[in-house]
Amino acid sequence: MNERESLIELCARLGAPAAQAGVMADQLLKRSTQLAAERGWPRERAMEHLLTVLIKGRNGETVPGFEGGQPPAGD
């Protein structure tokens, strides 16, 4: 099983429909490459970070830097 297939399986186990799991896997792969370039991290570290954000978000938790605040007021 390759990395993309593993990510698709993970996303599906987290509740994503099959078609959406593929899209999510592709986004994770692309963003991990971007983060690695932007932050000078190894690609594996970038993927670890993204998976942590994904899993914590799925569980209703936040990671440092994603605390947010009140959404902007509507017009």
PDB file of N, CA and C in Angstrom:
ATOM      1  N   MET A   1       0.858  -1.173   0.000  1.00  0.00           N
ATOM      2  CA  MET A   1       0.000   0.000   0.000  1.00  0.00           C
ATOM      3  C   MET A   1       0.906   1.238   0.000  1.00  0.00           C
ATOM      4  N   ASN A   2       0.637   2.181  -0.888  1.00  0.00           N
ATOM      5  CA  ASN A   2       1.441   3.401  -0.941  1.00  0.00           C
ATOM      6  C   ASN A   2       0.893   4.462   0.016  1.00  0.00           C
ATOM      7  N   GLU A   3       1.609   5.576   0.091  1.00  0.00           N
ATOM      8  CA  GLU A   3       1.236   6.624   1.042  1.00  0.00           C
ATOM      9  C   GLU A   3      -0.170   7.169   0.780  1.00  0.00           C
ATOM     10  N   ARG A   4      -0.499   7.412  -0.462  1.00  0.00           N
ATOM     11  CA  ARG A   4      -1.822   7.944  -0.801  1.00  0.00           C
ATOM     12  C   ARG A   4      -2.915   6.972  -0.384  1.00  0.00           C
ATOM     13  N   GLU A   5      -2.720   5.701  -0.678  1.00  0.00           N
ATOM     14  CA  GLU A   5      -3.712   4.693  -0.307  1.00  0.00           C
ATOM     15  C   GLU A   5      -3.873   4.614   1.219  1.00  0.00           C
ATOM     16  N   SER A   6      -2.767   4.730   1.932  1.00  0.00           N
ATOM     17  CA  SER A   6      -2.826   4.720   3.398  1.00  0.00           C
ATOM     18  C   SER A   6      -3.611   5.909   3.924  1.00  0.00           C
ATOM     19  N   LEU A   7      -3.389   7.082   3.319  1.00  0.00           N
ATOM     20  CA  LEU A   7      -4.104   8.277   3.739  1.00  0.00           C
ATOM     21  C   LEU A   7      -5.591   8.178   3.411  1.00  0.00           C
ATOM     22  N   ILE A   8      -5.916   7.611   2.262  1.00  0.00           N
ATOM     23  CA  ILE A   8      -7.327   7.412   1.896  1.00  0.00           C
ATOM     24  C   ILE A   8      -7.995   6.510   2.929  1.00  0.00           C
ATOM     25  N   GLU A   9      -7.324   5.438   3.296  1.00  0.00           N
ATOM     26  CA  GLU A   9      -7.881   4.519   4.288  1.00  0.00           C
ATOM     27  C   GLU A   9      -8.073   5.223   5.635  1.00  0.00           C
ATOM     28  N   LEU A  10      -7.091   6.018   6.042  1.00  0.00           N
ATOM     29  CA  LEU A  10      -7.199   6.750   7.304  1.00  0.00           C
ATOM     30  C   LEU A  10      -8.385   7.716   7.276  1.00  0.00           C
ATOM     31  N   CYS A  11      -8.492   8.493   6.206  1.00  0.00           N
ATOM     32  CA  CYS A  11      -9.591   9.464   6.101  1.00  0.00           C
ATOM     33  C   CYS A  11     -10.942   8.756   6.112  1.00  0.00           C
ATOM     34  N   ALA A  12     -11.022   7.619   5.453  1.00  0.00           N
ATOM     35  CA  ALA A  12     -12.270   6.853   5.440  1.00  0.00           C
ATOM     36  C   ALA A  12     -12.596   6.346   6.847  1.00  0.00           C
ATOM     37  N   ARG A  13     -11.590   5.878   7.570  1.00  0.00           N
ATOM     38  CA  ARG A  13     -11.822   5.405   8.944  1.00  0.00           C
ATOM     39  C   ARG A  13     -12.259   6.547   9.853  1.00  0.00           C
ATOM     40  N   LEU A  14     -11.848   7.766   9.512  1.00  0.00           N
ATOM     41  CA  LEU A  14     -12.256   8.930  10.297  1.00  0.00           C
ATOM     42  C   LEU A  14     -13.639   9.433   9.906  1.00  0.00           C
ATOM     43  N   GLY A  15     -14.257   8.784   8.904  1.00  0.00           N
ATOM     44  CA  GLY A  15     -15.636   9.109   8.568  1.00  0.00           C
ATOM     45  C   GLY A  15     -15.868   9.775   7.228  1.00  0.00           C
ATOM     46  N   ALA A  16     -14.823  10.000   6.449  1.00  0.00           N
ATOM     47  CA  ALA A  16     -15.011  10.628   5.137  1.00  0.00           C
ATOM     48  C   ALA A  16     -15.578   9.622   4.139  1.00  0.00           C
ATOM     49  N   PRO A  17     -16.555  10.054   3.319  1.00  0.00           N
ATOM     50  CA  PRO A  17     -17.031   9.184   2.237  1.00  0.00           C
ATOM     51  C   PRO A  17     -15.865   8.862   1.293  1.00  0.00           C
ATOM     52  N   ALA A  18     -15.950   7.767   0.582  1.00  0.00           N
ATOM     53  CA  ALA A  18     -14.842   7.280  -0.257  1.00  0.00           C
ATOM     54  C   ALA A  18     -14.293   8.357  -1.200  1.00  0.00           C
ATOM     55  N   ALA A  19     -15.164   9.043  -1.929  1.00  0.00           N
ATOM     56  CA  ALA A  19     -14.693  10.060  -2.878  1.00  0.00           C
ATOM     57  C   ALA A  19     -13.997  11.204  -2.154  1.00  0.00           C
ATOM     58  N   GLN A  20     -14.547  11.612  -1.023  1.00  0.00           N
ATOM     59  CA  GLN A  20     -13.955  12.707  -0.258  1.00  0.00           C
ATOM     60  C   GLN A  20     -12.626  12.282   0.361  1.00  0.00           C
ATOM     61  N   ALA A  21     -12.505  11.023   0.760  1.00  0.00           N
ATOM     62  CA  ALA A  21     -11.256  10.534   1.345  1.00  0.00           C
ATOM     63  C   ALA A  21     -10.107  10.666   0.355  1.00  0.00           C
ATOM     64  N   GLY A  22     -10.371  10.418  -0.914  1.00  0.00           N
ATOM     65  CA  GLY A  22      -9.342  10.574  -1.939  1.00  0.00           C
ATOM     66  C   GLY A  22      -8.915  12.022  -2.096  1.00  0.00           C
ATOM     67  N   VAL A  23      -9.880  12.928  -2.084  1.00  0.00           N
ATOM     68  CA  VAL A  23      -9.581  14.360  -2.191  1.00  0.00           C
ATOM     69  C   VAL A  23      -8.771  14.806  -0.975  1.00  0.00           C
ATOM     70  N   MET A  24      -9.191  14.357   0.201  1.00  0.00           N
ATOM     71  CA  MET A  24      -8.476  14.728   1.424  1.00  0.00           C
ATOM     72  C   MET A  24      -7.030  14.216   1.394  1.00  0.00           C
ATOM     73  N   ALA A  25      -6.851  12.985   0.949  1.00  0.00           N
ATOM     74  CA  ALA A  25      -5.503  12.417   0.862  1.00  0.00           C
ATOM     75  C   ALA A  25      -4.629  13.252  -0.071  1.00  0.00           C
ATOM     76  N   ASP A  26      -5.166  13.636  -1.208  1.00  0.00           N
ATOM     77  CA  ASP A  26      -4.414  14.459  -2.156  1.00  0.00           C
ATOM     78  C   ASP A  26      -4.053  15.808  -1.544  1.00  0.00           C
ATOM     79  N   GLN A  27      -4.979  16.397  -0.802  1.00  0.00           N
ATOM     80  CA  GLN A  27      -4.712  17.683  -0.157  1.00  0.00           C
ATOM     81  C   GLN A  27      -3.632  17.552   0.909  1.00  0.00           C
ATOM     82  N   LEU A  28      -3.683  16.480   1.688  1.00  0.00           N
ATOM     83  CA  LEU A  28      -2.670  16.251   2.715  1.00  0.00           C
ATOM     84  C   LEU A  28      -1.287  16.087   2.085  1.00  0.00           C
ATOM     85  N   LEU A  29      -1.211  15.341   1.003  1.00  0.00           N
ATOM     86  CA  LEU A  29       0.070  15.142   0.318  1.00  0.00           C
ATOM     87  C   LEU A  29       0.622  16.464  -0.219  1.00  0.00           C
ATOM     88  N   LYS A  30      -0.248  17.238  -0.853  1.00  0.00           N
ATOM     89  CA  LYS A  30       0.185  18.515  -1.417  1.00  0.00           C
ATOM     90  C   LYS A  30       0.613  19.491  -0.322  1.00  0.00           C
ATOM     91  N   ARG A  31      -0.199  19.594   0.724  1.00  0.00           N
ATOM     92  CA  ARG A  31       0.104  20.558   1.789  1.00  0.00           C
ATOM     93  C   ARG A  31       1.347  20.159   2.575  1.00  0.00           C
ATOM     94  N   SER A  32       1.597  18.866   2.742  1.00  0.00           N
ATOM     95  CA  SER A  32       2.807  18.448   3.456  1.00  0.00           C
ATOM     96  C   SER A  32       4.054  18.853   2.682  1.00  0.00           C
ATOM     97  N   THR A  33       3.999  18.778   1.377  1.00  0.00           N
ATOM     98  CA  THR A  33       5.128  19.221   0.553  1.00  0.00           C
ATOM     99  C   THR A  33       5.310  20.733   0.676  1.00  0.00           C
ATOM    100  N   GLN A  34       4.196  21.475   0.671  1.00  0.00           N
ATOM    101  CA  GLN A  34       4.267  22.931   0.827  1.00  0.00           C
ATOM    102  C   GLN A  34       4.837  23.321   2.192  1.00  0.00           C
ATOM    103  N   LEU A  35       4.343  22.696   3.252  1.00  0.00           N
ATOM    104  CA  LEU A  35       4.833  23.007   4.604  1.00  0.00           C
ATOM    105  C   LEU A  35       6.315  22.687   4.743  1.00  0.00           C
ATOM    106  N   ALA A  36       6.731  21.586   4.189  1.00  0.00           N
ATOM    107  CA  ALA A  36       8.144  21.216   4.256  1.00  0.00           C
ATOM    108  C   ALA A  36       9.004  22.300   3.613  1.00  0.00           C
ATOM    109  N   ALA A  37       8.570  22.814   2.478  1.00  0.00           N
ATOM    110  CA  ALA A  37       9.324  23.867   1.794  1.00  0.00           C
ATOM    111  C   ALA A  37       9.262  25.181   2.561  1.00  0.00           C
ATOM    112  N   GLU A  38       8.084  25.546   3.054  1.00  0.00           N
ATOM    113  CA  GLU A  38       7.907  26.817   3.756  1.00  0.00           C
ATOM    114  C   GLU A  38       8.657  26.871   5.081  1.00  0.00           C
ATOM    115  N   ARG A  39       8.624  25.783   5.821  1.00  0.00           N
ATOM    116  CA  ARG A  39       9.167  25.785   7.187  1.00  0.00           C
ATOM    117  C   ARG A  39      10.514  25.093   7.314  1.00  0.00           C
ATOM    118  N   GLY A  40      10.988  24.518   6.229  1.00  0.00           N
ATOM    119  CA  GLY A  40      12.266  23.826   6.271  1.00  0.00           C
ATOM    120  C   GLY A  40      12.216  22.522   7.049  1.00  0.00           C
ATOM    121  N   TRP A  41      11.032  21.934   7.146  1.00  0.00           N
ATOM    122  CA  TRP A  41      10.851  20.664   7.844  1.00  0.00           C
ATOM    123  C   TRP A  41      11.065  19.509   6.876  1.00  0.00           C
ATOM    124  N   PRO A  42      11.443  18.356   7.403  1.00  0.00           N
ATOM    125  CA  PRO A  42      11.378  17.155   6.549  1.00  0.00           C
ATOM    126  C   PRO A  42       9.909  16.913   6.203  1.00  0.00           C
ATOM    127  N   ARG A  43       9.655  16.340   5.063  1.00  0.00           N
ATOM    128  CA  ARG A  43       8.282  16.119   4.619  1.00  0.00           C
ATOM    129  C   ARG A  43       7.508  15.253   5.612  1.00  0.00           C
ATOM    130  N   GLU A  44       8.187  14.301   6.221  1.00  0.00           N
ATOM    131  CA  GLU A  44       7.532  13.430   7.205  1.00  0.00           C
ATOM    132  C   GLU A  44       7.047  14.238   8.409  1.00  0.00           C
ATOM    133  N   ARG A  45       7.844  15.210   8.843  1.00  0.00           N
ATOM    134  CA  ARG A  45       7.455  16.078   9.970  1.00  0.00           C
ATOM    135  C   ARG A  45       6.224  16.898   9.600  1.00  0.00           C
ATOM    136  N   ALA A  46       6.201  17.396   8.368  1.00  0.00           N
ATOM    137  CA  ALA A  46       5.059  18.179   7.896  1.00  0.00           C
ATOM    138  C   ALA A  46       3.794  17.312   7.876  1.00  0.00           C
ATOM    139  N   MET A  47       3.917  16.074   7.408  1.00  0.00           N
ATOM    140  CA  MET A  47       2.754  15.180   7.375  1.00  0.00           C
ATOM    141  C   MET A  47       2.310  14.847   8.790  1.00  0.00           C
ATOM    142  N   GLU A  48       3.244  14.631   9.692  1.00  0.00           N
ATOM    143  CA  GLU A  48       2.900  14.359  11.092  1.00  0.00           C
ATOM    144  C   GLU A  48       2.092  15.523  11.677  1.00  0.00           C
ATOM    145  N   HIS A  49       2.530  16.742  11.400  1.00  0.00           N
ATOM    146  CA  HIS A  49       1.823  17.932  11.874  1.00  0.00           C
ATOM    147  C   HIS A  49       0.397  17.972  11.323  1.00  0.00           C
ATOM    148  N   LEU A  50       0.254  17.755  10.032  1.00  0.00           N
ATOM    149  CA  LEU A  50      -1.074  17.802   9.413  1.00  0.00           C
ATOM    150  C   LEU A  50      -1.995  16.710   9.959  1.00  0.00           C
ATOM    151  N   LEU A  51      -1.463  15.530  10.163  1.00  0.00           N
ATOM    152  CA  LEU A  51      -2.281  14.447  10.697  1.00  0.00           C
ATOM    153  C   LEU A  51      -2.689  14.728  12.139  1.00  0.00           C
ATOM    154  N   THR A  52      -1.807  15.368  12.900  1.00  0.00           N
ATOM    155  CA  THR A  52      -2.158  15.758  14.265  1.00  0.00           C
ATOM    156  C   THR A  52      -3.309  16.755  14.239  1.00  0.00           C
ATOM    157  N   VAL A  53      -3.216  17.758  13.365  1.00  0.00           N
ATOM    158  CA  VAL A  53      -4.289  18.751  13.238  1.00  0.00           C
ATOM    159  C   VAL A  53      -5.593  18.065  12.814  1.00  0.00           C
ATOM    160  N   LEU A  54      -5.508  17.163  11.852  1.00  0.00           N
ATOM    161  CA  LEU A  54      -6.689  16.455  11.355  1.00  0.00           C
ATOM    162  C   LEU A  54      -7.357  15.643  12.463  1.00  0.00           C
ATOM    163  N   ILE A  55      -6.588  14.859  13.171  1.00  0.00           N
ATOM    164  CA  ILE A  55      -7.155  13.976  14.187  1.00  0.00           C
ATOM    165  C   ILE A  55      -7.676  14.770  15.380  1.00  0.00           C
ATOM    166  N   LYS A  56      -6.925  15.771  15.822  1.00  0.00           N
ATOM    167  CA  LYS A  56      -7.407  16.598  16.930  1.00  0.00           C
ATOM    168  C   LYS A  56      -8.681  17.343  16.519  1.00  0.00           C
ATOM    169  N   GLY A  57      -8.703  17.872  15.316  1.00  0.00           N
ATOM    170  CA  GLY A  57      -9.903  18.553  14.826  1.00  0.00           C
ATOM    171  C   GLY A  57     -11.096  17.620  14.772  1.00  0.00           C
ATOM    172  N   ARG A  58     -10.872  16.407  14.340  1.00  0.00           N
ATOM    173  CA  ARG A  58     -11.937  15.399  14.277  1.00  0.00           C
ATOM    174  C   ARG A  58     -12.498  15.117  15.665  1.00  0.00           C
ATOM    175  N   ASN A  59     -11.617  15.232  16.673  1.00  0.00           N
ATOM    176  CA  ASN A  59     -12.024  14.984  18.058  1.00  0.00           C
ATOM    177  C   ASN A  59     -12.491  16.246  18.772  1.00  0.00           C
ATOM    178  N   GLY A  60     -12.595  17.361  18.045  1.00  0.00           N
ATOM    179  CA  GLY A  60     -13.070  18.608  18.633  1.00  0.00           C
ATOM    180  C   GLY A  60     -12.027  19.338  19.449  1.00  0.00           C
ATOM    181  N   GLU A  61     -10.766  18.987  19.279  1.00  0.00           N
ATOM    182  CA  GLU A  61      -9.672  19.637  19.989  1.00  0.00           C
ATOM    183  C   GLU A  61      -8.962  20.611  19.057  1.00  0.00           C
ATOM    184  N   THR A  62      -8.136  21.481  19.642  1.00  0.00           N
ATOM    185  CA  THR A  62      -7.313  22.371  18.831  1.00  0.00           C
ATOM    186  C   THR A  62      -5.849  22.145  19.155  1.00  0.00           C
ATOM    187  N   VAL A  63      -5.001  22.506  18.232  1.00  0.00           N
ATOM    188  CA  VAL A  63      -3.560  22.465  18.451  1.00  0.00           C
ATOM    189  C   VAL A  63      -3.075  23.897  18.607  1.00  0.00           C
ATOM    190  N   PRO A  64      -1.946  24.107  19.267  1.00  0.00           N
ATOM    191  CA  PRO A  64      -1.440  25.479  19.416  1.00  0.00           C
ATOM    192  C   PRO A  64      -1.372  26.188  18.067  1.00  0.00           C
ATOM    193  N   GLY A  65      -1.874  27.414  18.040  1.00  0.00           N
ATOM    194  CA  GLY A  65      -1.896  28.187  16.803  1.00  0.00           C
ATOM    195  C   GLY A  65      -3.234  28.127  16.083  1.00  0.00           C
ATOM    196  N   PHE A  66      -4.118  27.238  16.516  1.00  0.00           N
ATOM    197  CA  PHE A  66      -5.421  27.095  15.879  1.00  0.00           C
ATOM    198  C   PHE A  66      -6.551  27.418  16.837  1.00  0.00           C
ATOM    199  N   GLU A  67      -6.240  28.133  17.909  1.00  0.00           N
ATOM    200  CA  GLU A  67      -7.255  28.430  18.904  1.00  0.00           C
ATOM    201  C   GLU A  67      -8.363  29.307  18.345  1.00  0.00           C
ATOM    202  N   GLY A  68      -7.986  30.208  17.455  1.00  0.00           N
ATOM    203  CA  GLY A  68      -8.974  31.092  16.847  1.00  0.00           C
ATOM    204  C   GLY A  68      -9.586  32.042  17.851  1.00  0.00           C
ATOM    205  N   GLY A  69     -10.728  32.484  17.573  1.00  0.00           N
ATOM    206  CA  GLY A  69     -11.456  33.404  18.425  1.00  0.00           C
ATOM    207  C   GLY A  69     -12.851  33.543  17.874  1.00  0.00           C
ATOM    208  N   GLN A  70     -13.459  34.635  18.139  1.00  0.00           N
ATOM    209  CA  GLN A  70     -14.782  34.885  17.598  1.00  0.00           C
ATOM    210  C   GLN A  70     -14.678  35.081  16.085  1.00  0.00           C
ATOM    211  N   PRO A  71     -15.592  34.478  15.335  1.00  0.00           N
ATOM    212  CA  PRO A  71     -15.583  34.730  13.896  1.00  0.00           C
ATOM    213  C   PRO A  71     -15.915  36.199  13.626  1.00  0.00           C
ATOM    214  N   PRO A  72     -15.473  36.713  12.479  1.00  0.00           N
ATOM    215  CA  PRO A  72     -15.776  38.104  12.153  1.00  0.00           C
ATOM    216  C   PRO A  72     -17.283  38.324  12.081  1.00  0.00           C
ATOM    217  N   ALA A  73     -17.718  39.482  12.491  1.00  0.00           N
ATOM    218  CA  ALA A  73     -19.139  39.829  12.442  1.00  0.00           C
ATOM    219  C   ALA A  73     -19.591  39.960  10.984  1.00  0.00           C
ATOM    220  N   GLY A  74     -20.801  39.522  10.712  1.00  0.00           N
ATOM    221  CA  GLY A  74     -21.345  39.636   9.357  1.00  0.00           C
ATOM    222  C   GLY A  74     -21.727  41.078   9.048  1.00  0.00           C
ATOM    223  N   ASP A  75     -21.843  41.392   7.785  1.00  0.00           N
ATOM    224  CA  ASP A  75     -22.209  42.762   7.378  1.00  0.00           C
ATOM    225  C   ASP A  75     -23.652  43.044   7.604  1.00  0.00           C
TER     226      ASP A  75
END
